[in-house]
Protein backbone atom coordinates (compact mmCIF):
# COMPACT_ATOMS: atom_id res chain seq x y z
CA MET A 1 -24.86 -8.75 0.36
CA LYS A 2 -26.00 -12.15 -0.88
CA SER A 3 -26.35 -14.88 1.72
CA TYR A 4 -25.19 -18.49 1.48
CA GLY A 5 -28.19 -19.41 3.58
CA GLN A 6 -26.03 -21.38 6.01
CA TYR A 7 -25.64 -21.06 9.76
CA CYS A 8 -21.91 -21.93 9.53
CA PRO A 9 -19.76 -19.03 10.91
CA ILE A 10 -17.34 -19.41 7.99
CA ALA A 11 -20.18 -18.93 5.51
CA ARG A 12 -21.55 -15.98 7.49
CA GLY A 13 -18.14 -14.34 7.70
CA ALA A 14 -17.47 -14.92 4.01
CA GLU A 15 -20.69 -13.06 3.16
CA VAL A 16 -19.03 -9.93 4.56
CA PHE A 17 -15.33 -10.42 3.85
CA ALA A 18 -15.11 -12.51 0.71
CA THR A 19 -16.63 -10.11 -1.81
CA ARG A 20 -14.33 -8.67 -4.48
CA TRP A 21 -12.23 -5.71 -3.27
CA THR A 22 -13.48 -5.97 0.33
CA PRO A 23 -10.22 -7.47 1.74
CA VAL A 24 -8.24 -4.73 -0.04
CA ILE A 25 -10.47 -2.02 1.42
CA ILE A 26 -10.14 -3.52 4.91
CA ARG A 27 -6.36 -3.75 4.44
CA ASN A 28 -6.16 -0.08 3.45
CA LEU A 29 -8.25 0.98 6.45
CA LEU A 30 -5.93 -1.03 8.71
CA LEU A 31 -3.00 0.83 7.11
CA GLY A 32 -4.55 4.15 8.15
CA CYS A 33 -6.41 5.25 5.01
CA ARG A 34 -9.34 7.39 6.04
CA THR A 35 -10.68 9.25 3.01
CA PHE A 36 -12.34 7.98 -0.16
CA THR A 37 -9.38 9.18 -2.21
CA GLU A 38 -6.84 7.43 0.02
CA LEU A 39 -8.81 4.20 -0.15
CA ARG A 40 -9.07 4.39 -3.93
CA ASP A 41 -5.37 5.24 -4.36
CA GLY A 42 -4.55 2.02 -2.53
CA ALA A 43 -6.84 -0.04 -4.76
CA PRO A 44 -5.77 0.64 -8.36
CA GLY A 45 -8.43 -0.61 -10.73
CA ILE A 46 -11.50 -0.18 -8.53
CA SER A 47 -14.15 2.18 -9.86
CA ARG A 48 -15.54 5.02 -7.77
CA SER A 49 -19.02 3.50 -7.91
CA LEU A 50 -17.86 0.07 -6.73
CA LEU A 51 -15.79 1.53 -3.90
CA SER A 52 -18.78 3.59 -2.79
CA GLU A 53 -20.99 0.49 -2.94
CA ARG A 54 -18.56 -1.60 -0.89
CA LEU A 55 -18.18 1.11 1.76
CA LYS A 56 -21.96 1.36 2.10
CA GLN A 57 -22.22 -2.42 2.46
CA LEU A 58 -19.50 -2.52 5.10
CA GLU A 59 -21.14 0.33 6.97
CA GLY A 60 -24.46 -1.51 6.79
CA VAL A 61 -23.06 -4.63 8.48
CA GLY A 62 -21.22 -2.64 11.16
CA VAL A 63 -17.65 -3.11 9.92
CA VAL A 64 -16.99 0.48 8.84
CA ALA A 65 -18.13 3.76 10.42
CA ARG A 66 -18.47 6.98 8.45
CA HIS A 67 -18.12 10.51 9.86
CA PRO A 68 -18.15 13.97 8.26
CA ARG A 69 -14.62 15.26 7.64
CA ALA A 70 -13.63 17.95 10.08
CA GLY A 71 -13.41 21.32 8.36
CA GLY A 72 -13.94 19.91 4.90
CA ARG A 73 -16.27 18.24 2.48
CA GLY A 74 -16.80 14.51 2.20
CA TRP A 75 -16.51 11.69 4.68
CA GLN A 76 -13.91 10.02 6.82
CA TYR A 77 -14.00 6.24 7.25
CA GLU A 78 -12.73 4.07 10.05
CA LEU A 79 -13.06 0.49 11.19
CA THR A 80 -15.41 -0.37 14.02
CA PRO A 81 -14.34 -2.92 16.66
CA ALA A 82 -15.84 -5.61 14.39
CA GLY A 83 -13.79 -4.27 11.51
CA ARG A 84 -10.58 -4.14 13.53
CA ASP A 85 -11.09 -7.79 14.44
CA LEU A 86 -10.58 -8.55 10.74
CA GLN A 87 -6.89 -7.72 11.17
CA ALA A 88 -6.25 -11.32 12.22
CA VAL A 89 -8.10 -12.54 9.10
CA CYS A 90 -5.99 -10.27 6.88
CA GLU A 91 -2.79 -11.45 8.53
CA ALA A 92 -3.74 -15.11 8.09
CA MET A 93 -4.64 -14.51 4.45
CA GLY A 94 -1.36 -12.66 3.92
CA ALA A 95 0.66 -15.47 5.48
CA TRP A 96 -1.12 -18.04 3.30
CA GLY A 97 -0.66 -15.94 0.15
CA SER A 98 3.02 -15.43 0.90
CA ARG A 99 3.55 -19.16 1.31
CA TRP A 100 1.40 -20.58 -1.47
CA VAL A 101 0.79 -17.96 -4.17
CA GLU A 102 3.80 -17.02 -6.28
CA LEU A 103 4.29 -13.46 -7.45
CA GLY A 104 3.29 -13.24 -11.10
CA PRO A 105 3.23 -10.45 -13.68
CA GLN A 106 -0.39 -9.70 -12.76
CA HIS A 107 0.73 -8.80 -9.21
CA LEU A 108 3.48 -6.36 -10.14
CA ASP A 109 1.77 -2.97 -10.39
CA PRO A 110 4.68 -0.61 -9.60
CA TYR A 111 2.34 2.21 -8.62
CA TYR A 112 0.80 0.08 -5.89
CA SER A 113 4.24 -1.08 -4.71
CA LEU A 114 5.40 2.53 -4.35
CA TRP A 115 2.05 3.55 -2.81
CA ALA A 116 2.52 0.89 -0.14
CA LEU A 117 6.11 2.03 0.42
CA ALA A 118 4.94 5.61 0.91
CA ARG A 119 2.14 4.44 3.21
CA GLY A 120 4.62 2.61 5.41
CA LEU A 121 6.85 5.68 5.55
CA ARG A 122 4.05 7.64 7.24
CA SER A 123 4.87 5.65 10.38
CA VAL A 124 8.64 6.16 10.10
CA GLU A 125 10.86 8.99 11.29
CA LEU A 126 11.75 10.77 8.07
CA PRO A 127 14.96 12.64 7.23
CA GLU A 128 14.77 16.41 7.59
CA ARG A 129 15.78 16.86 3.97
CA ARG A 130 13.17 16.11 1.32
CA LEU A 131 14.10 13.21 -0.95
CA ASN A 132 12.82 12.95 -4.51
CA ALA A 133 13.56 9.60 -6.18
CA ARG A 134 12.52 8.82 -9.74
CA PHE A 135 11.73 5.17 -10.40
CA GLU A 136 12.18 3.79 -13.89
CA LEU A 137 10.61 0.40 -14.75
CA PRO A 138 11.85 -0.30 -18.32
CA THR A 139 9.94 -3.58 -18.71
CA MET A 140 6.55 -2.00 -17.98
CA PRO A 141 4.19 -0.42 -20.53
CA ALA A 142 4.92 3.22 -21.30
CA ASP A 143 2.16 4.59 -19.05
CA THR A 144 3.38 2.65 -15.99
CA ARG A 145 7.12 2.98 -16.52
CA ARG A 146 8.00 6.11 -14.53
CA PHE A 147 7.02 7.34 -11.06
CA TRP A 148 8.41 9.66 -8.42
CA LEU A 149 8.63 8.85 -4.72
CA LEU A 150 8.56 12.10 -2.79
CA VAL A 151 9.68 11.58 0.79
CA GLN A 152 8.80 14.55 2.93
CA ALA A 153 6.95 15.17 6.19
CA PRO A 154 4.19 14.75 7.03
CA GLU A 155 3.01 12.61 4.12
CA PRO A 156 5.31 10.88 1.63
CA GLU A 157 3.60 10.37 -1.70
CA VAL A 158 3.88 8.77 -5.11
CA CYS A 159 3.58 11.05 -8.13
CA VAL A 160 2.75 10.02 -11.68
CA GLN A 161 4.08 13.33 -12.99
CA HIS A 162 7.23 15.21 -12.06
CA PRO A 163 6.51 16.80 -8.65
CA GLY A 164 8.45 19.97 -9.46
CA HIS A 165 11.42 19.31 -7.17
CA ASP A 166 14.95 18.44 -8.23
CA GLU A 167 15.52 14.71 -8.56
CA ASP A 168 17.98 13.36 -5.99
CA LEU A 169 18.08 9.75 -7.18
CA VAL A 170 17.08 7.76 -10.24
CA VAL A 171 16.25 4.13 -9.50
CA THR A 172 16.06 1.75 -12.46
CA ALA A 173 14.56 -1.54 -11.39
CA ASP A 174 12.58 -4.63 -12.23
CA PRO A 175 8.96 -4.55 -10.93
CA ALA A 176 9.36 -7.99 -9.32
CA TRP A 177 12.30 -6.77 -7.26
CA LEU A 178 10.37 -3.60 -6.35
CA ALA A 179 7.46 -5.67 -4.99
CA ARG A 180 9.82 -7.89 -2.97
CA TRP A 181 11.66 -4.82 -1.63
CA VAL A 182 8.42 -3.34 -0.36
CA LEU A 183 7.51 -6.71 1.18
CA GLY A 184 10.84 -6.72 3.02
CA GLU A 185 12.05 -9.83 1.17
CA ARG A 186 14.92 -8.05 -0.58
CA SER A 187 17.11 -5.07 0.27
CA LEU A 188 18.25 -2.27 -1.98
CA SER A 189 21.88 -3.32 -1.64
CA GLN A 190 21.00 -6.93 -2.53
CA GLY A 191 19.24 -5.70 -5.65
CA GLN A 192 22.27 -3.65 -6.65
CA GLN A 193 24.64 -6.56 -6.06
CA ALA A 194 22.41 -8.87 -8.12
CA GLY A 195 22.34 -6.35 -10.97
CA VAL A 196 18.53 -5.97 -10.99
CA VAL A 197 18.62 -2.44 -9.54
CA ASP A 198 20.68 0.56 -10.52
CA VAL A 199 20.62 3.73 -8.44
CA ALA A 200 22.13 6.92 -9.82
CA GLY A 201 22.84 9.62 -7.27
CA PRO A 202 24.94 10.49 -4.20
CA THR A 203 26.03 7.46 -2.18
CA ASP A 204 24.76 8.88 1.11
CA LEU A 205 21.27 9.34 -0.34
CA VAL A 206 21.31 5.81 -1.77
CA ARG A 207 21.96 4.56 1.77
CA VAL A 208 19.11 6.74 3.07
CA LEU A 209 16.73 5.27 0.50
CA GLY A 210 17.80 1.75 1.47
CA ARG A 211 17.13 2.41 5.15
CA LEU A 212 13.77 3.99 4.36
CA GLY A 213 12.72 0.96 2.33
CA GLU A 214 13.59 -1.40 5.17
CA ALA A 215 11.81 0.80 7.73
CA SER A 216 8.70 1.00 5.55
CA ALA A 217 8.56 -2.80 5.19
CA ARG A 218 8.73 -3.21 8.97
CA ALA A 219 5.98 -0.62 9.45
CA LEU A 220 3.73 -2.30 6.87
CA ALA A 221 4.20 -5.65 8.60
CA THR A 222 2.76 -4.17 11.82
CA TRP A 223 0.07 -2.00 10.16
CA GLY A 224 2.06 1.12 11.01
CA ARG A 225 2.04 0.34 14.73
CA ALA A 226 4.97 -0.40 16.97
CA PRO A 227 5.30 -4.16 17.67
CA ALA A 228 3.92 -5.21 21.05
């Protein structure tokens, strides 16, 4: 990592934290991502080589620790105590971004929104019945217009192709509403009432999806941990 050549703690900290993609990688580790694939899934657009480079840099400065995966190939990553201390930095940056940086079209990747929703659901008690919801984003380009949210224990996931299970719900939405729903700023029922969301399917499952969205947003706000 390049140095600013300054003794100032802000400059020294920025040498570690303020490189491109590093805050996103730290955020994903705080959310419980442990494998290379999980980290990359939560950072759409990063190349494999750059992610590998950043992980090596963070390991070199003592922010990330790497261990062989138990019973499998590859590595498992986790934050060291120094890395976990960056949670407060991430929270401060998130609060500032929420207050001062408006959501724009460049921020509205529906895959990431649904990935974050699924990540939050890993910390939520899930219904016994599997739920398969298809999300349609008509205003997006053709290759980012349709996804499936598969809610099942132990790991909810987002699929870019039909997962092979019957669809329970079809959600047609605007990507801006989807991002705000995942952030906990809007509810599913509010979106329906405003006419920016349409959900086709049984009413009881629509209510389940609404509750799951709210629970995921709460879990994401506390990094998947119960509030103190």
